[in-house]
Protein backbone atom coordinates (compact mmCIF):
# COMPACT_ATOMS: atom_id res chain seq x y z
CA MET A 1 78.87 2.29 25.67
CA LYS A 2 76.93 0.83 28.68
CA THR A 3 76.79 4.00 30.24
CA CYS A 4 76.23 6.38 27.50
CA SER A 5 73.33 3.81 26.79
CA LEU A 6 71.75 4.27 30.13
CA ILE A 7 72.10 7.85 29.96
CA ALA A 8 70.34 7.97 26.67
CA ASN A 9 67.50 5.99 27.71
CA ILE A 10 66.98 7.77 31.00
CA VAL A 11 67.23 11.22 29.05
CA MET A 12 64.49 9.80 26.52
CA LEU A 13 62.55 8.78 29.48
CA LEU A 14 62.50 12.29 30.57
CA ILE A 15 61.46 13.57 27.44
CA LEU A 16 58.72 11.28 27.06
CA ILE A 17 56.72 13.30 29.73
CA PRO A 18 56.82 16.83 27.89
CA ALA A 19 56.37 15.07 24.55
CA ALA A 20 53.12 13.29 25.87
CA PHE A 21 51.90 16.75 26.59
CA GLY A 22 52.85 18.00 23.35
CA ALA A 23 51.02 15.31 21.69
CA ILE A 24 48.04 16.24 23.61
CA MET A 25 48.14 19.95 22.71
CA SER A 26 49.28 19.23 19.00
CA PRO A 27 45.31 19.75 17.71
CA PHE A 28 45.87 23.37 18.43
CA VAL A 29 48.24 23.74 15.73
CA PHE A 30 45.17 23.81 13.33
CA ASP A 31 44.02 27.01 14.70
CA SER A 32 45.94 29.20 12.20
CA GLY A 33 44.32 26.66 9.59
CA ALA A 34 45.32 23.40 7.83
CA SER A 35 48.25 23.21 5.56
CA ARG A 36 50.67 20.62 4.32
CA ARG A 37 53.53 21.96 7.12
CA THR A 38 50.60 21.94 9.52
CA TRP A 39 49.89 18.15 9.20
CA LEU A 40 53.81 17.65 9.32
CA ILE A 41 53.96 19.13 12.34
CA PHE A 42 50.97 17.44 13.77
CA GLY A 43 52.39 13.87 12.82
CA THR A 44 55.67 14.37 14.14
CA LEU A 45 54.35 15.92 17.57
CA VAL A 46 52.00 12.38 17.63
CA ALA A 47 54.72 10.24 16.75
CA LEU A 48 57.54 11.66 19.15
CA PRO A 49 55.92 9.87 22.00
CA VAL A 50 55.13 6.52 20.32
CA LEU A 51 58.63 6.55 18.86
CA ILE A 52 60.12 7.27 22.42
CA ILE A 53 58.15 4.21 23.83
CA LEU A 54 59.30 1.90 20.94
CA SER A 55 62.68 3.02 20.90
CA GLN A 56 62.85 2.28 24.74
CA ILE A 57 61.65 -1.21 24.36
CA ILE A 58 64.02 -2.09 21.57
CA SER A 59 66.63 -0.40 23.39
CA TRP A 60 66.23 -2.32 26.54
CA ILE A 61 65.90 -5.71 24.71
CA ALA A 62 69.24 -5.13 23.23
CA TYR A 63 70.86 -3.75 26.53
CA VAL A 64 69.74 -6.97 28.22
CA ARG A 65 71.37 -9.11 25.35
CA HIS A 66 74.54 -7.24 25.78
CA ASN A 67 74.47 -5.30 22.42
CA TYR A 68 75.18 -1.66 24.14
CA ASP A 69 76.14 -0.40 20.87
CA PHE A 70 72.97 -0.96 19.13
CA ALA A 71 70.83 -0.31 22.34
CA PHE A 72 72.52 3.27 22.46
CA LYS A 73 71.66 3.97 18.51
CA VAL A 74 68.19 2.98 19.13
CA SER A 75 67.59 5.12 21.96
CA LEU A 76 69.08 8.03 19.93
CA VAL A 77 66.33 7.74 17.34
CA PRO A 78 63.61 10.05 18.51
CA VAL A 79 66.45 12.58 18.44
CA LEU A 80 65.54 12.35 14.52
CA ASP A 81 61.93 13.53 15.21
CA ILE A 82 62.96 15.94 17.68
CA LEU A 83 65.27 17.67 15.18
CA VAL A 84 62.24 17.61 12.62
CA ILE A 85 59.95 19.12 14.83
CA ILE A 86 62.31 21.83 15.55
CA VAL A 87 63.40 22.56 11.58
CA LEU A 88 59.45 22.32 10.99
CA PHE A 89 58.49 25.08 13.54
CA THR A 90 61.58 27.19 12.38
CA ILE A 91 60.74 27.23 8.71
CA SER A 92 57.07 27.45 9.00
CA SER A 93 55.62 30.69 8.33
CA ASP A 94 51.76 29.26 8.64
CA LEU A 95 52.48 29.73 12.62
CA LYS A 96 53.50 33.03 13.04
């Protein structure tokens, strides 16, 4: 589990770069008008970099304390936000 935790942390840190650009560009989702789905997409795009940073901090603290299973699980929390973003973009008819 130690190696899996390290790999998950490195992957999430690499995802942080495009997530930050997505957060910067997220106000442009309102170009087609504001709706409830648009606000959800905006919120998830802005929350992703923050969530990655927080999960990495908690994961590395758990890793240093040799709690590798918890570190691995916490490092994968941003994947839930990524899945929500994918679902929202897929079902959103407002952004077509």
